Amino acid sequence: MIRWPLVLALVVAAQPIAVAAQEAEPSAVRIHVVPDPPGADGSGDSLTVGDAVWVTVQTSGPGGHYLLPETLVDAYSERPELAVLESARQDGQLRLRVALFRPGSFVLPTVEAGVATAEGDTLRVPVYADTIQVASVLAPGDTLLADIKPLWVDGGIPLWFWILLALLIALALLAWWWWRRRDQVDELPKLRPDAYQIARRQLQSLQAEPPTSARRIAAATEIGEVVREYMASGWAVPARERTTFELLPTLPDRWQSIRPALASLLSAIDLVKFARLAPEPGEVPRLASTGLECVDRLEQTRQAPEIPEVEEAVAS
């Protein structure tokens, strides 16, 4: 007599065993990393620690399986003995440029990469690699990159290094000083003896009334430029590159009595020049006359001797 409950129990118990056996079966997908031969990229016939080498990721297996490149790059990036510098596609295969940090017969570490199936599942497949010969830059007896000998002996940095560094700093400072001094010599103002006559002729020609507002703006602007040019070429005062606000406090002491007139003239012209406010009719001849008066008074100070102020002693 067949005991159906017992048979049913055996069938139910056998299903997990079959599933487990199916899951334990190794995947048919294989991933193999093959390095380029030495000198293939023109970098030399041998690799040393820290050099980069291109490797090709070769896959094989049933159709419908696709390697997920980012999973392999992430897996290699976690390993301290190598670094992934870049990735590329060539002839349908993934290529990685890696730097190696362990000498000798180097084998890329076995990691797991993700492979997508046609059903949308993701398999974890081990990645194997060929051996790469890395020439050592270490001293005899060293085994790790951290054992590389320092540039200096145990006594510290030698004296000749500090002497050489001091000489280089001194040469750099000397070159900087010479360059600054040359620029200062080139920037010395060149005075024109005829600056006064030129300014007077130009200001006299600007005393006529312009017919339009646009010409009044241009004439007023030119009056200010003539006065500034006279101060620059006749007195070496940096009037061209400074604003009126910056210029007035730096005028020579002998111009103390003329400073209010200059301030009024240049401020009024700045308002016309930058705000584009057209002067009223008759204003341009007045500005030209004021500029002419300022230039005459400035030129008179050239002949007047500077008398220092002397405090009178009051006898007690």
Protein backbone atom coordinates (compact mmCIF):
# COMPACT_ATOMS: atom_id res chain seq x y z
CA MET A 1 0.00 0.00 0.00
CA ILE A 2 1.40 3.37 -1.03
CA ARG A 3 1.60 5.92 1.74
CA TRP A 4 0.77 9.13 -0.14
CA PRO A 5 1.40 11.47 2.78
CA LEU A 6 4.99 10.16 3.07
CA VAL A 7 5.60 10.52 -0.68
CA LEU A 8 4.25 14.08 -0.65
CA ALA A 9 6.51 15.00 2.25
CA LEU A 10 9.58 13.65 0.43
CA VAL A 11 8.72 15.67 -2.71
CA VAL A 12 8.30 18.90 -0.75
CA ALA A 13 11.61 18.34 1.08
CA ALA A 14 13.47 17.63 -2.16
CA GLN A 15 12.52 20.99 -3.79
CA PRO A 16 14.82 23.21 -1.63
CA ILE A 17 17.64 20.74 -2.18
CA ALA A 18 17.24 21.04 -5.96
CA VAL A 19 17.05 24.83 -5.80
CA ALA A 20 20.17 24.97 -3.64
CA ALA A 21 22.02 22.74 -6.03
CA GLN A 22 20.98 24.96 -8.91
CA GLU A 23 22.19 28.12 -7.12
CA ALA A 24 25.48 26.50 -6.18
CA GLU A 25 26.25 25.63 -9.78
CA PRO A 26 29.03 27.95 -11.07
CA SER A 27 28.02 30.53 -13.64
CA ALA A 28 28.89 29.97 -17.25
CA VAL A 29 30.05 33.61 -17.55
CA ARG A 30 33.82 34.14 -17.26
CA ILE A 31 35.66 37.47 -16.93
CA HIS A 32 39.39 37.65 -17.57
CA VAL A 33 41.66 40.71 -17.46
CA VAL A 34 44.58 40.71 -19.91
CA PRO A 35 47.26 43.44 -19.71
CA ASP A 36 48.75 45.03 -22.79
CA PRO A 37 52.29 43.86 -23.59
CA PRO A 38 55.10 46.12 -22.26
CA GLY A 39 55.87 49.01 -24.57
CA ALA A 40 52.55 48.80 -26.43
CA ASP A 41 51.76 52.42 -25.58
CA GLY A 42 55.30 53.68 -26.20
CA SER A 43 56.05 54.21 -22.50
CA GLY A 44 58.96 51.76 -22.35
CA ASP A 45 59.74 48.09 -22.28
CA SER A 46 59.16 47.64 -18.54
CA LEU A 47 56.80 48.84 -15.84
CA THR A 48 57.88 50.24 -12.50
CA VAL A 49 55.94 50.96 -9.38
CA GLY A 50 53.39 53.72 -10.03
CA ASP A 51 53.39 53.33 -13.81
CA ALA A 52 50.09 53.02 -15.64
CA VAL A 53 49.18 50.14 -17.93
CA TRP A 54 46.16 49.41 -20.10
CA VAL A 55 44.30 46.14 -19.50
CA THR A 56 41.49 44.58 -21.53
CA VAL A 57 38.50 42.98 -19.84
CA GLN A 58 37.56 39.85 -21.80
CA THR A 59 34.19 38.19 -21.18
CA SER A 60 32.80 34.88 -22.38
CA GLY A 61 29.55 33.06 -21.77
CA PRO A 62 26.02 32.61 -23.06
CA GLY A 63 24.30 35.41 -24.94
CA GLY A 64 22.13 37.90 -23.21
CA HIS A 65 24.65 38.63 -20.43
CA TYR A 66 26.19 42.09 -20.11
CA LEU A 67 29.08 43.25 -17.96
CA LEU A 68 28.36 46.26 -15.73
CA PRO A 69 31.63 48.27 -16.04
CA GLU A 70 31.05 50.50 -13.01
CA THR A 71 30.91 47.45 -10.72
CA LEU A 72 34.38 46.34 -11.81
CA VAL A 73 35.82 49.88 -11.55
CA ASP A 74 34.36 50.28 -8.05
CA ALA A 75 35.72 46.90 -6.98
CA TYR A 76 39.24 47.73 -8.18
CA SER A 77 39.09 51.23 -6.68
CA GLU A 78 38.75 49.76 -3.21
CA ARG A 79 42.08 47.94 -3.47
CA PRO A 80 45.14 49.87 -2.21
CA GLU A 81 47.63 48.13 -4.50
CA LEU A 82 46.24 49.71 -7.66
CA ALA A 83 44.31 52.73 -8.91
CA VAL A 84 41.94 52.98 -11.86
CA LEU A 85 42.87 56.10 -13.82
CA GLU A 86 40.44 55.92 -16.74
CA SER A 87 38.24 53.56 -18.74
CA ALA A 88 37.38 53.27 -22.42
CA ARG A 89 35.65 51.06 -24.97
CA GLN A 90 37.59 49.50 -27.83
CA ASP A 91 36.26 46.92 -30.27
CA GLY A 92 33.31 46.27 -27.99
CA GLN A 93 35.53 45.44 -25.00
CA LEU A 94 36.09 47.35 -21.80
CA ARG A 95 39.62 48.71 -21.28
CA LEU A 96 40.98 50.11 -18.04
CA ARG A 97 44.09 52.16 -17.40
CA VAL A 98 45.44 51.21 -14.00
CA ALA A 99 48.47 52.26 -11.95
CA LEU A 100 50.25 49.53 -10.01
CA PHE A 101 51.84 50.02 -6.60
CA ARG A 102 53.41 46.63 -5.86
CA PRO A 103 56.63 45.35 -7.46
CA GLY A 104 57.43 41.90 -8.75
CA SER A 105 55.03 39.43 -10.33
CA PHE A 106 51.85 41.38 -9.87
CA VAL A 107 48.40 39.86 -10.36
CA LEU A 108 45.38 42.08 -10.20
CA PRO A 109 43.32 41.10 -7.16
CA THR A 110 40.39 38.77 -7.71
CA VAL A 111 37.23 40.79 -7.32
CA GLU A 112 33.61 40.32 -8.27
CA ALA A 113 31.90 42.26 -11.03
CA GLY A 114 28.23 42.58 -11.81
CA VAL A 115 26.78 40.91 -14.90
CA ALA A 116 23.22 41.64 -16.02
CA THR A 117 21.16 38.80 -17.46
CA ALA A 118 18.45 38.92 -20.11
CA GLU A 119 15.84 38.48 -17.36
CA GLY A 120 17.07 41.63 -15.59
CA ASP A 121 18.90 39.83 -12.78
CA THR A 122 22.42 40.72 -11.68
CA LEU A 123 25.03 38.01 -11.18
CA ARG A 124 28.23 38.43 -9.18
CA VAL A 125 31.04 36.90 -11.24
CA PRO A 126 34.69 36.61 -10.12
CA VAL A 127 37.27 38.45 -12.23
CA TYR A 128 40.65 36.84 -12.83
CA ALA A 129 43.76 38.40 -14.33
CA ASP A 130 47.10 37.49 -15.88
CA THR A 131 50.42 38.19 -14.19
CA ILE A 132 52.04 41.59 -14.76
CA GLN A 133 55.77 42.02 -14.22
CA VAL A 134 56.48 45.25 -12.35
CA ALA A 135 60.11 46.32 -12.02
CA SER A 136 61.07 47.35 -8.52
CA VAL A 137 62.30 50.83 -7.67
CA LEU A 138 63.10 49.69 -4.16
CA ALA A 139 66.44 49.01 -2.56
CA PRO A 140 67.50 45.38 -2.04
CA GLY A 141 65.57 43.82 0.80
CA ASP A 142 62.56 46.12 0.53
CA THR A 143 59.23 44.44 0.00
CA LEU A 144 56.63 47.20 0.24
CA LEU A 145 56.23 50.56 -1.37
CA ALA A 146 56.43 52.14 2.08
CA ASP A 147 60.01 50.82 2.38
CA ILE A 148 61.34 53.12 -0.33
CA LYS A 149 64.37 54.93 1.08
CA PRO A 150 64.04 58.72 1.58
CA LEU A 151 66.08 61.18 -0.41
CA TRP A 152 67.96 62.30 2.68
CA VAL A 153 70.02 60.36 5.17
CA ASP A 154 68.99 59.99 8.80
CA GLY A 155 70.90 63.15 9.69
CA GLY A 156 68.34 65.30 7.90
CA ILE A 157 68.52 67.57 4.90
CA PRO A 158 72.17 68.28 4.03
CA LEU A 159 73.73 71.70 4.33
CA TRP A 160 74.35 72.09 0.60
CA PHE A 161 70.60 71.95 -0.02
CA TRP A 162 69.94 74.91 2.29
CA ILE A 163 72.81 76.88 0.72
CA LEU A 164 71.43 76.26 -2.76
CA LEU A 165 67.94 77.23 -1.63
CA ALA A 166 69.23 80.47 -0.09
CA LEU A 167 71.09 81.34 -3.30
CA LEU A 168 67.98 80.75 -5.38
CA ILE A 169 65.89 82.96 -3.09
CA ALA A 170 68.53 85.70 -3.19
CA LEU A 171 68.65 85.57 -6.99
CA ALA A 172 64.86 85.75 -7.17
CA LEU A 173 64.78 88.81 -4.87
CA LEU A 174 67.56 90.48 -6.86
CA ALA A 175 65.72 89.90 -10.13
CA TRP A 176 62.51 91.28 -8.61
CA TRP A 177 64.30 94.41 -7.33
CA TRP A 178 65.98 95.01 -10.68
CA TRP A 179 62.66 94.61 -12.52
CA ARG A 180 60.88 97.03 -10.19
CA ARG A 181 63.70 99.54 -10.46
CA ARG A 182 63.66 99.35 -14.27
CA ASP A 183 59.90 99.93 -14.31
CA GLN A 184 60.31 102.94 -12.03
CA VAL A 185 63.00 104.40 -14.30
CA ASP A 186 60.79 103.85 -17.35
CA GLU A 187 57.85 105.53 -15.61
CA LEU A 188 59.72 108.73 -14.74
CA PRO A 189 57.68 111.65 -16.10
CA LYS A 190 59.07 113.51 -19.10
CA LEU A 191 58.51 117.24 -18.69
CA ARG A 192 57.80 119.43 -21.68
CA PRO A 193 59.15 122.98 -21.53
CA ASP A 194 56.43 124.18 -23.89
CA ALA A 195 53.54 122.64 -21.91
CA TYR A 196 52.37 126.09 -20.75
CA GLN A 197 52.25 127.60 -24.24
CA ILE A 198 50.42 124.56 -25.61
CA ALA A 199 47.82 124.67 -22.83
CA ARG A 200 47.21 128.42 -23.33
CA ARG A 201 46.65 128.05 -27.08
CA GLN A 202 44.26 125.15 -26.62
CA LEU A 203 42.25 126.87 -23.88
CA GLN A 204 42.00 130.10 -25.90
CA SER A 205 40.63 128.13 -28.86
CA LEU A 206 37.97 126.60 -26.57
CA GLN A 207 36.61 129.98 -25.40
CA ALA A 208 34.17 130.12 -28.32
CA GLU A 209 30.55 129.09 -27.66
CA PRO A 210 29.72 125.65 -29.20
CA PRO A 211 26.47 125.62 -31.21
CA THR A 212 24.97 122.38 -29.85
CA SER A 213 24.69 120.64 -26.49
CA ALA A 214 26.75 117.67 -27.73
CA ARG A 215 29.57 119.99 -28.72
CA ARG A 216 29.33 121.81 -25.40
CA ILE A 217 29.86 118.46 -23.62
CA ALA A 218 32.86 117.65 -25.85
CA ALA A 219 34.35 121.13 -25.36
CA ALA A 220 33.98 121.03 -21.58
CA THR A 221 35.57 117.59 -21.47
CA GLU A 222 38.48 118.79 -23.56
CA ILE A 223 39.04 121.76 -21.21
CA GLY A 224 39.52 119.37 -18.32
CA GLU A 225 41.90 117.20 -20.35
CA VAL A 226 44.00 120.24 -21.34
CA VAL A 227 44.38 121.34 -17.70
CA ARG A 228 45.26 117.82 -16.57
CA GLU A 229 47.75 117.40 -19.43
CA TYR A 230 49.43 120.67 -18.43
CA MET A 231 49.84 119.52 -14.82
CA ALA A 232 51.22 116.15 -15.97
CA SER A 233 53.63 117.26 -18.68
CA GLY A 234 54.59 120.58 -17.12
CA TRP A 235 54.81 119.62 -13.46
CA ALA A 236 55.02 115.79 -13.36
CA VAL A 237 51.78 115.68 -11.37
CA PRO A 238 49.87 112.39 -12.02
CA ALA A 239 46.75 114.22 -13.14
CA ARG A 240 45.91 111.94 -16.09
CA GLU A 241 45.40 108.70 -14.17
CA ARG A 242 43.88 110.06 -10.94
CA THR A 243 40.37 111.20 -10.23
CA THR A 244 39.73 114.70 -8.93
CA PHE A 245 39.09 113.28 -5.45
CA GLU A 246 42.45 111.50 -5.51
CA LEU A 247 44.36 114.35 -7.16
CA LEU A 248 43.54 117.34 -4.98
CA PRO A 249 45.13 116.12 -1.70
CA THR A 250 48.40 115.31 -3.53
CA LEU A 251 48.95 118.71 -5.16
CA PRO A 252 52.19 120.55 -4.25
CA ASP A 253 52.09 122.88 -1.26
CA ARG A 254 52.90 125.89 -3.43
CA TRP A 255 49.52 125.39 -5.14
CA GLN A 256 47.60 125.81 -1.89
CA SER A 257 45.99 129.08 -2.96
CA ILE A 258 44.97 127.71 -6.37
CA ARG A 259 43.51 124.44 -5.06
CA PRO A 260 39.92 125.75 -4.55
CA ALA A 261 39.72 127.05 -8.12
CA LEU A 262 41.11 123.80 -9.51
CA ALA A 263 38.66 121.78 -7.41
CA SER A 264 35.71 123.81 -8.67
CA LEU A 265 36.83 123.59 -12.31
CA LEU A 266 37.62 119.86 -12.37
CA SER A 267 34.50 118.91 -10.40
CA ALA A 268 32.24 120.82 -12.80
CA ILE A 269 33.94 119.17 -15.80
CA ASP A 270 33.65 115.70 -14.19
CA LEU A 271 29.91 116.25 -13.88
CA VAL A 272 29.69 117.03 -17.58
CA LYS A 273 32.02 114.23 -18.64
CA PHE A 274 30.63 111.33 -16.60
CA ALA A 275 27.01 112.35 -16.05
CA ARG A 276 26.70 113.65 -19.65
CA LEU A 277 25.00 116.84 -18.44
CA ALA A 278 25.27 119.45 -21.17
CA PRO A 279 26.52 122.85 -19.90
CA GLU A 280 24.22 125.82 -20.19
CA PRO A 281 24.87 128.31 -23.01
CA GLY A 282 27.78 130.53 -22.01
CA GLU A 283 29.11 127.95 -19.53
CA VAL A 284 31.85 126.58 -21.83
CA PRO A 285 33.55 129.99 -22.37
CA ARG A 286 33.46 130.51 -18.60
CA LEU A 287 35.07 127.09 -17.96
CA ALA A 288 37.75 127.84 -20.56
CA SER A 289 38.49 131.24 -18.97
CA THR A 290 38.70 129.60 -15.52
CA GLY A 291 41.05 126.94 -16.91
CA LEU A 292 43.20 129.61 -18.51
CA GLU A 293 43.34 131.52 -15.23
CA CYS A 294 44.36 128.37 -13.32
CA VAL A 295 47.10 127.56 -15.81
CA ASP A 296 48.46 131.12 -15.60
CA ARG A 297 48.50 131.05 -11.80
CA LEU A 298 50.18 127.64 -11.76
CA GLU A 299 52.86 128.85 -14.11
CA GLN A 300 53.48 131.91 -11.93
CA THR A 301 54.33 129.66 -8.99
CA ARG A 302 57.18 128.24 -11.03
CA GLN A 303 59.03 131.54 -10.80
CA ALA A 304 58.03 132.45 -7.25
CA PRO A 305 60.49 131.15 -4.63
CA GLU A 306 59.16 128.99 -1.84
CA ILE A 307 59.46 130.87 1.46
CA PRO A 308 59.32 128.57 4.47
CA GLU A 309 57.09 129.59 7.29
CA VAL A 310 59.07 130.85 10.26
CA GLU A 311 57.51 131.15 13.63
CA GLU A 312 58.37 134.39 15.36
CA ALA A 313 59.84 133.95 18.77
CA VAL A 314 58.02 136.04 21.33
CA ALA A 315 60.17 137.04 24.20
CA SER A 316 58.47 136.57 27.44
